[in-house]
Amino acid sequence: MKTVIIHGQSHKGSTYHIAHELALKVGGEINEFFLPRDMGEFCIGCTQCFIKGETNCPHYEKIVPITKALNDADLIILESPVYVYHATGAMKAFLDHYGYRWMPHRPEEAMFSKQGVCISTAAGAGTKSANKDMSDSLFFWGVGKIYKLGFNVAAVSWETISEKKKKKIISGINDTANKINKKYGKVKPGFKTKFFFNIMRMLQKKVDNPIDVKYWEDKGWLGKKRPWK
């Protein structure tokens, strides 16, 4: 099992510890990136990734190591503490660079057989909306199975979380790790993903973006082929 963790912050707080513990429980190789340390650029809205290809992004060289890690991983973990009821700005800035990979455009075929986890923590509330910020991208990338873990920790550091809450967190980690390992090598996208993919397939015959249409044609997806078996 190869796991890549994208940390939505550069400090090692509660969310970091939960994500790291989950990766250890799953087992295998772990590759980690910290935002904004490893990718701190904001998307400037130039649309070059959409109309000319992702290599034309002004931040392409900076993000390509993370893209390769995402492609190689069996499990993708996106984690972020809650900042004003949402994921961190660093996580949002990172995800903005992958709009071209959403299903309406040029989804990466390998994503459909991967698993993904969104993890968020909050001193108070907001984990649901923060996880949605991240899971939206996982879904539209085509990730075959997505889990969400949100914990209201009532603390500002891992060390100050109560033992009662930590036991609940560890239970959630163990349960999710077991599910991931059972699904390993057997992931197929669900009905919602397949349904949306087929809508996007039909739209490719109507949209006026040659690079997207050619991508779908080259993959054989406008015919009988699909990015899952």
C-alpha atoms as a PDB file:
ATOM      1  CA  MET A   1       0.000   0.000   0.000  1.00  0.00           C
ATOM      2  CA  LYS A   2       1.327   3.413  -0.969  1.00  0.00           C
ATOM      3  CA  THR A   3      -0.121   6.375   0.908  1.00  0.00           C
ATOM      4  CA  VAL A   4       0.325  10.061   0.165  1.00  0.00           C
ATOM      5  CA  ILE A   5      -0.686  12.620   2.782  1.00  0.00           C
ATOM      6  CA  ILE A   6      -1.305  16.242   1.857  1.00  0.00           C
ATOM      7  CA  HIS A   7      -1.176  18.249   5.072  1.00  0.00           C
ATOM      8  CA  GLY A   8      -3.167  21.474   4.898  1.00  0.00           C
ATOM      9  CA  GLN A   9      -0.761  23.180   7.292  1.00  0.00           C
ATOM     10  CA  SER A  10       2.941  23.030   8.120  1.00  0.00           C
ATOM     11  CA  HIS A  11       2.696  22.444  11.876  1.00  0.00           C
ATOM     12  CA  LYS A  12       2.202  19.045  13.479  1.00  0.00           C
ATOM     13  CA  GLY A  13      -0.994  19.452  15.464  1.00  0.00           C
ATOM     14  CA  SER A  14      -4.071  17.315  16.022  1.00  0.00           C
ATOM     15  CA  THR A  15      -4.969  16.853  12.360  1.00  0.00           C
ATOM     16  CA  TYR A  16      -1.413  15.886  11.470  1.00  0.00           C
ATOM     17  CA  HIS A  17      -1.294  13.251  14.220  1.00  0.00           C
ATOM     18  CA  ILE A  18      -4.602  11.700  13.174  1.00  0.00           C
ATOM     19  CA  ALA A  19      -3.601  11.529   9.506  1.00  0.00           C
ATOM     20  CA  HIS A  20      -0.184  10.098  10.322  1.00  0.00           C
ATOM     21  CA  GLU A  21      -1.630   7.520  12.707  1.00  0.00           C
ATOM     22  CA  LEU A  22      -4.126   6.399  10.058  1.00  0.00           C
ATOM     23  CA  ALA A  23      -1.344   5.971   7.502  1.00  0.00           C
ATOM     24  CA  LEU A  24       0.686   3.924   9.984  1.00  0.00           C
ATOM     25  CA  LYS A  25      -2.325   1.708  10.759  1.00  0.00           C
ATOM     26  CA  VAL A  26      -2.924   1.101   7.061  1.00  0.00           C
ATOM     27  CA  GLY A  27       0.735   0.191   6.644  1.00  0.00           C
ATOM     28  CA  GLY A  28       3.113   0.400   3.725  1.00  0.00           C
ATOM     29  CA  GLU A  29       4.949   3.334   2.203  1.00  0.00           C
ATOM     30  CA  ILE A  30       4.097   6.884   3.306  1.00  0.00           C
ATOM     31  CA  ASN A  31       4.836  10.035   1.330  1.00  0.00           C
ATOM     32  CA  GLU A  32       3.989  13.389   2.896  1.00  0.00           C
ATOM     33  CA  PHE A  33       3.698  16.985   1.720  1.00  0.00           C
ATOM     34  CA  PHE A  34       3.123  20.033   3.886  1.00  0.00           C
ATOM     35  CA  LEU A  35       1.264  23.133   2.703  1.00  0.00           C
ATOM     36  CA  PRO A  36       2.207  25.849   2.079  1.00  0.00           C
ATOM     37  CA  ARG A  37       5.820  24.715   2.566  1.00  0.00           C
ATOM     38  CA  ASP A  38       5.799  22.287  -0.368  1.00  0.00           C
ATOM     39  CA  MET A  39       3.287  24.153  -2.527  1.00  0.00           C
ATOM     40  CA  GLY A  40       2.342  27.664  -1.516  1.00  0.00           C
ATOM     41  CA  GLU A  41       1.397  29.255  -4.818  1.00  0.00           C
ATOM     42  CA  PHE A  42      -2.074  30.603  -5.507  1.00  0.00           C
ATOM     43  CA  CYS A  43      -3.836  29.747  -8.762  1.00  0.00           C
ATOM     44  CA  ILE A  44      -3.885  32.995 -10.786  1.00  0.00           C
ATOM     45  CA  GLY A  45      -6.839  32.003 -12.979  1.00  0.00           C
ATOM     46  CA  CYS A  46      -4.870  32.098 -16.232  1.00  0.00           C
ATOM     47  CA  THR A  47      -6.859  29.046 -17.548  1.00  0.00           C
ATOM     48  CA  GLN A  48      -3.742  27.701 -19.303  1.00  0.00           C
ATOM     49  CA  CYS A  49      -4.215  24.248 -17.734  1.00  0.00           C
ATOM     50  CA  PHE A  50      -7.696  24.074 -19.242  1.00  0.00           C
ATOM     51  CA  ILE A  51      -7.055  25.359 -22.750  1.00  0.00           C
ATOM     52  CA  LYS A  52      -3.406  24.452 -23.416  1.00  0.00           C
ATOM     53  CA  GLY A  53      -2.571  21.713 -20.888  1.00  0.00           C
ATOM     54  CA  GLU A  54      -1.348  21.489 -17.320  1.00  0.00           C
ATOM     55  CA  THR A  55       2.332  21.818 -18.280  1.00  0.00           C
ATOM     56  CA  ASN A  56       1.556  25.458 -19.116  1.00  0.00           C
ATOM     57  CA  CYS A  57       0.622  26.264 -15.519  1.00  0.00           C
ATOM     58  CA  PRO A  58       3.094  28.866 -14.190  1.00  0.00           C
ATOM     59  CA  HIS A  59       3.478  26.685 -11.078  1.00  0.00           C
ATOM     60  CA  TYR A  60       3.817  23.377 -12.934  1.00  0.00           C
ATOM     61  CA  GLU A  61       7.396  22.633 -11.847  1.00  0.00           C
ATOM     62  CA  LYS A  62       6.471  23.277  -8.215  1.00  0.00           C
ATOM     63  CA  ILE A  63       3.443  21.001  -8.180  1.00  0.00           C
ATOM     64  CA  VAL A  64       4.660  18.150 -10.399  1.00  0.00           C
ATOM     65  CA  PRO A  65       6.286  16.133  -7.533  1.00  0.00           C
ATOM     66  CA  ILE A  66       2.960  16.140  -5.684  1.00  0.00           C
ATOM     67  CA  THR A  67       1.070  15.181  -8.839  1.00  0.00           C
ATOM     68  CA  LYS A  68       3.387  12.206  -9.339  1.00  0.00           C
ATOM     69  CA  ALA A  69       2.869  11.142  -5.726  1.00  0.00           C
ATOM     70  CA  LEU A  70      -0.911  11.363  -6.138  1.00  0.00           C
ATOM     71  CA  ASN A  71      -0.720   9.242  -9.292  1.00  0.00           C
ATOM     72  CA  ASP A  72       1.464   6.592  -7.646  1.00  0.00           C
ATOM     73  CA  ALA A  73      -0.491   6.302  -4.388  1.00  0.00           C
ATOM     74  CA  ASP A  74      -3.117   3.699  -3.555  1.00  0.00           C
ATOM     75  CA  LEU A  75      -4.477   5.902  -0.774  1.00  0.00           C
ATOM     76  CA  ILE A  76      -4.758   9.701  -0.772  1.00  0.00           C
ATOM     77  CA  ILE A  77      -5.192  11.457   2.563  1.00  0.00           C
ATOM     78  CA  LEU A  78      -6.144  15.138   2.540  1.00  0.00           C
ATOM     79  CA  GLU A  79      -6.108  16.696   5.995  1.00  0.00           C
ATOM     80  CA  SER A  80      -6.834  20.159   7.291  1.00  0.00           C
ATOM     81  CA  PRO A  81      -7.660  21.826  10.574  1.00  0.00           C
ATOM     82  CA  VAL A  82     -10.794  23.942  10.434  1.00  0.00           C
ATOM     83  CA  TYR A  83     -10.151  27.608   9.718  1.00  0.00           C
ATOM     84  CA  VAL A  84     -13.343  29.719   9.907  1.00  0.00           C
ATOM     85  CA  TYR A  85     -15.557  26.691   9.161  1.00  0.00           C
ATOM     86  CA  HIS A  86     -13.534  25.553   6.150  1.00  0.00           C
ATOM     87  CA  ALA A  87     -10.269  23.937   5.080  1.00  0.00           C
ATOM     88  CA  THR A  88      -7.142  26.073   5.253  1.00  0.00           C
ATOM     89  CA  GLY A  89      -6.362  28.578   2.530  1.00  0.00           C
ATOM     90  CA  ALA A  90      -3.228  26.568   1.754  1.00  0.00           C
ATOM     91  CA  MET A  91      -5.314  23.454   1.047  1.00  0.00           C
ATOM     92  CA  LYS A  92      -7.763  25.419  -1.112  1.00  0.00           C
ATOM     93  CA  ALA A  93      -4.908  27.024  -3.060  1.00  0.00           C
ATOM     94  CA  PHE A  94      -3.420  23.576  -3.650  1.00  0.00           C
ATOM     95  CA  LEU A  95      -6.682  22.010  -4.836  1.00  0.00           C
ATOM     96  CA  ASP A  96      -7.374  24.957  -7.154  1.00  0.00           C
ATOM     97  CA  HIS A  97      -4.414  23.840  -9.271  1.00  0.00           C
ATOM     98  CA  TYR A  98      -6.186  20.590 -10.145  1.00  0.00           C
ATOM     99  CA  GLY A  99      -9.365  21.978 -11.693  1.00  0.00           C
ATOM    100  CA  TYR A 100      -8.238  20.550 -15.042  1.00  0.00           C
ATOM    101  CA  ARG A 101      -8.384  17.070 -13.485  1.00  0.00           C
ATOM    102  CA  TRP A 102     -12.058  17.288 -12.625  1.00  0.00           C
ATOM    103  CA  MET A 103     -14.321  14.944 -14.548  1.00  0.00           C
ATOM    104  CA  PRO A 104     -15.714  17.668 -16.842  1.00  0.00           C
ATOM    105  CA  HIS A 105     -12.162  18.084 -18.167  1.00  0.00           C
ATOM    106  CA  ARG A 106      -9.307  15.526 -18.020  1.00  0.00           C
ATOM    107  CA  PRO A 107      -9.614  13.155 -15.053  1.00  0.00           C
ATOM    108  CA  GLU A 108      -6.645  10.892 -14.365  1.00  0.00           C
ATOM    109  CA  GLU A 109      -7.643   7.287 -15.087  1.00  0.00           C
ATOM    110  CA  ALA A 110      -5.772   5.884 -12.074  1.00  0.00           C
ATOM    111  CA  MET A 111      -7.941   7.863  -9.636  1.00  0.00           C
ATOM    112  CA  PHE A 112     -10.963   5.660 -10.180  1.00  0.00           C
ATOM    113  CA  SER A 113      -9.283   2.699  -8.448  1.00  0.00           C
ATOM    114  CA  LYS A 114      -7.877   4.685  -5.510  1.00  0.00           C
ATOM    115  CA  GLN A 115      -9.182   5.322  -2.014  1.00  0.00           C
ATOM    116  CA  GLY A 116      -9.219   8.739  -0.387  1.00  0.00           C
ATOM    117  CA  VAL A 117      -9.682  10.055   3.136  1.00  0.00           C
ATOM    118  CA  CYS A 118     -10.546  13.586   4.241  1.00  0.00           C
ATOM    119  CA  ILE A 119      -9.588  14.409   7.821  1.00  0.00           C
ATOM    120  CA  SER A 120     -10.405  17.588   9.718  1.00  0.00           C
ATOM    121  CA  THR A 121     -10.323  18.712  13.332  1.00  0.00           C
ATOM    122  CA  ALA A 122     -11.836  21.721  15.049  1.00  0.00           C
ATOM    123  CA  ALA A 123     -11.627  23.161  18.525  1.00  0.00           C
ATOM    124  CA  GLY A 124     -15.357  23.820  18.111  1.00  0.00           C
ATOM    125  CA  ALA A 125     -17.305  23.057  14.942  1.00  0.00           C
ATOM    126  CA  GLY A 126     -16.874  23.105  11.171  1.00  0.00           C
ATOM    127  CA  THR A 127     -15.401  19.694  10.356  1.00  0.00           C
ATOM    128  CA  LYS A 128     -18.264  18.798   8.018  1.00  0.00           C
ATOM    129  CA  SER A 129     -17.763  21.835   5.778  1.00  0.00           C
ATOM    130  CA  ALA A 130     -13.964  21.522   5.890  1.00  0.00           C
ATOM    131  CA  ASN A 131     -14.161  17.881   4.823  1.00  0.00           C
ATOM    132  CA  LYS A 132     -16.533  18.818   2.015  1.00  0.00           C
ATOM    133  CA  ASP A 133     -13.984  21.357   0.731  1.00  0.00           C
ATOM    134  CA  MET A 134     -11.580  18.456   0.251  1.00  0.00           C
ATOM    135  CA  SER A 135     -13.957  15.633  -0.650  1.00  0.00           C
ATOM    136  CA  ASP A 136     -15.440  17.661  -3.517  1.00  0.00           C
ATOM    137  CA  SER A 137     -12.076  17.464  -5.259  1.00  0.00           C
ATOM    138  CA  LEU A 138     -11.613  13.766  -4.495  1.00  0.00           C
ATOM    139  CA  PHE A 139     -15.039  13.031  -5.956  1.00  0.00           C
ATOM    140  CA  PHE A 140     -14.574  15.104  -9.091  1.00  0.00           C
ATOM    141  CA  TRP A 141     -11.111  13.612  -9.582  1.00  0.00           C
ATOM    142  CA  GLY A 142     -12.930  10.273  -9.748  1.00  0.00           C
ATOM    143  CA  VAL A 143     -11.503   8.682  -6.575  1.00  0.00           C
ATOM    144  CA  GLY A 144     -13.301   5.362  -6.241  1.00  0.00           C
ATOM    145  CA  LYS A 145     -13.893   5.253  -2.468  1.00  0.00           C
ATOM    146  CA  ILE A 146     -13.907   8.258  -0.136  1.00  0.00           C
ATOM    147  CA  TYR A 147     -13.990   8.337   3.670  1.00  0.00           C
ATOM    148  CA  LYS A 148     -14.436  11.368   5.933  1.00  0.00           C
ATOM    149  CA  LEU A 149     -13.184  11.740   9.482  1.00  0.00           C
ATOM    150  CA  GLY A 150     -14.090  14.863  11.426  1.00  0.00           C
ATOM    151  CA  PHE A 151     -13.305  15.376  15.103  1.00  0.00           C
ATOM    152  CA  ASN A 152     -14.363  18.247  17.345  1.00  0.00           C
ATOM    153  CA  VAL A 153     -11.444  18.010  19.756  1.00  0.00           C
ATOM    154  CA  ALA A 154     -12.197  20.930  22.114  1.00  0.00           C
ATOM    155  CA  ALA A 155      -8.471  21.662  22.214  1.00  0.00           C
ATOM    156  CA  VAL A 156      -5.823  23.587  20.297  1.00  0.00           C
ATOM    157  CA  SER A 157      -3.128  20.886  20.307  1.00  0.00           C
ATOM    158  CA  TRP A 158      -2.821  17.112  20.212  1.00  0.00           C
ATOM    159  CA  GLU A 159      -1.357  17.072  23.733  1.00  0.00           C
ATOM    160  CA  THR A 160      -4.335  18.853  25.294  1.00  0.00           C
ATOM    161  CA  ILE A 161      -7.068  16.608  23.848  1.00  0.00           C
ATOM    162  CA  SER A 162      -8.816  14.675  26.615  1.00  0.00           C
ATOM    163  CA  GLU A 163      -8.138  10.947  26.924  1.00  0.00           C
ATOM    164  CA  LYS A 164     -11.830  10.260  26.346  1.00  0.00           C
ATOM    165  CA  LYS A 165     -11.765  12.082  23.024  1.00  0.00           C
ATOM    166  CA  LYS A 166      -8.475  10.461  22.044  1.00  0.00           C
ATOM    167  CA  LYS A 167      -9.995   7.017  22.560  1.00  0.00           C
ATOM    168  CA  LYS A 168     -12.847   7.975  20.236  1.00  0.00           C
ATOM    169  CA  ILE A 169     -10.355   9.267  17.663  1.00  0.00           C
ATOM    170  CA  ILE A 170      -8.253   6.088  17.812  1.00  0.00           C
ATOM    171  CA  SER A 171     -11.409   3.989  17.406  1.00  0.00           C
ATOM    172  CA  GLY A 172     -12.323   5.957  14.280  1.00  0.00           C
ATOM    173  CA  ILE A 173      -8.806   5.584  12.909  1.00  0.00           C
ATOM    174  CA  ASN A 174      -8.780   1.819  13.464  1.00  0.00           C
ATOM    175  CA  ASP A 175     -12.203   1.352  11.914  1.00  0.00           C
ATOM    176  CA  THR A 176     -11.267   3.370   8.824  1.00  0.00           C
ATOM    177  CA  ALA A 177      -7.906   1.597   8.458  1.00  0.00           C
ATOM    178  CA  ASN A 178      -9.660  -1.767   8.501  1.00  0.00           C
ATOM    179  CA  LYS A 179     -12.092  -0.644   5.807  1.00  0.00           C
ATOM    180  CA  ILE A 180      -9.262   0.678   3.646  1.00  0.00           C
ATOM    181  CA  ASN A 181      -7.261  -2.533   3.903  1.00  0.00           C
ATOM    182  CA  LYS A 182     -10.299  -4.655   3.059  1.00  0.00           C
ATOM    183  CA  LYS A 183     -10.911  -2.545  -0.056  1.00  0.00           C
ATOM    184  CA  TYR A 184      -7.271  -2.514  -1.153  1.00  0.00           C
ATOM    185  CA  GLY A 185      -6.962  -3.773  -4.731  1.00  0.00           C
ATOM    186  CA  LYS A 186     -10.738  -4.094  -5.089  1.00  0.00           C
ATOM    187  CA  VAL A 187     -11.871  -0.479  -5.451  1.00  0.00           C
ATOM    188  CA  LYS A 188     -14.508   0.413  -7.998  1.00  0.00           C
ATOM    189  CA  PRO A 189     -16.342   3.734  -8.207  1.00  0.00           C
ATOM    190  CA  GLY A 190     -19.931   3.842  -7.007  1.00  0.00           C
ATOM    191  CA  PHE A 191     -23.115   4.657  -8.885  1.00  0.00           C
ATOM    192  CA  LYS A 192     -22.861   8.415  -8.298  1.00  0.00           C
ATOM    193  CA  THR A 193     -19.363   8.614  -9.788  1.00  0.00           C
ATOM    194  CA  LYS A 194     -20.280   6.449 -12.784  1.00  0.00           C
ATOM    195  CA  PHE A 195     -23.445   8.441 -13.365  1.00  0.00           C
ATOM    196  CA  PHE A 196     -21.599  11.752 -13.300  1.00  0.00           C
ATOM    197  CA  PHE A 197     -18.828  10.375 -15.525  1.00  0.00           C
ATOM    198  CA  ASN A 198     -21.381   9.365 -18.140  1.00  0.00           C
ATOM    199  CA  ILE A 199     -22.977  12.817 -18.069  1.00  0.00           C
ATOM    200  CA  MET A 200     -19.537  14.351 -18.646  1.00  0.00           C
ATOM    201  CA  ARG A 201     -18.969  11.839 -21.435  1.00  0.00           C
ATOM    202  CA  MET A 202     -22.066  13.065 -23.244  1.00  0.00           C
ATOM    203  CA  LEU A 203     -21.090  16.700 -22.694  1.00  0.00           C
ATOM    204  CA  GLN A 204     -17.735  16.157 -24.394  1.00  0.00           C
ATOM    205  CA  LYS A 205     -19.652  15.904 -27.668  1.00  0.00           C
ATOM    206  CA  LYS A 206     -21.049  19.399 -27.109  1.00  0.00           C
ATOM    207  CA  VAL A 207     -18.260  21.384 -25.453  1.00  0.00           C
ATOM    208  CA  ASP A 208     -15.809  23.494 -27.411  1.00  0.00           C
ATOM    209  CA  ASN A 209     -12.526  22.630 -25.710  1.00  0.00           C
ATOM    210  CA  PRO A 210     -10.420  20.589 -28.160  1.00  0.00           C
ATOM    211  CA  ILE A 211      -7.833  19.475 -25.600  1.00  0.00           C
ATOM    212  CA  ASP A 212     -10.514  17.907 -23.371  1.00  0.00           C
ATOM    213  CA  VAL A 213     -12.312  16.222 -26.271  1.00  0.00           C
ATOM    214  CA  LYS A 214      -9.049  14.787 -27.635  1.00  0.00           C
ATOM    215  CA  TYR A 215      -8.162  13.494 -24.170  1.00  0.00           C
ATOM    216  CA  TRP A 216     -11.469  11.617 -23.908  1.00  0.00           C
ATOM    217  CA  GLU A 217     -11.133  10.326 -27.474  1.00  0.00           C
ATOM    218  CA  ASP A 218      -7.576   9.085 -26.893  1.00  0.00           C
ATOM    219  CA  LYS A 219      -8.689   7.284 -23.735  1.00  0.00           C
ATOM    220  CA  GLY A 220     -11.504   5.596 -25.650  1.00  0.00           C
ATOM    221  CA  TRP A 221     -14.041   6.946 -23.165  1.00  0.00           C
ATOM    222  CA  LEU A 222     -16.293   8.343 -25.877  1.00  0.00           C
ATOM    223  CA  GLY A 223     -16.669   4.758 -27.015  1.00  0.00           C
ATOM    224  CA  LYS A 224     -17.052   1.678 -24.807  1.00  0.00           C
ATOM    225  CA  LYS A 225     -13.965   2.024 -22.625  1.00  0.00           C
ATOM    226  CA  ARG A 226     -14.219   3.303 -19.058  1.00  0.00           C
ATOM    227  CA  PRO A 227     -11.543   4.248 -16.490  1.00  0.00           C
ATOM    228  CA  TRP A 228     -12.576   1.308 -14.303  1.00  0.00           C
ATOM    229  CA  LYS A 229     -12.778  -2.442 -14.909  1.00  0.00           C
END
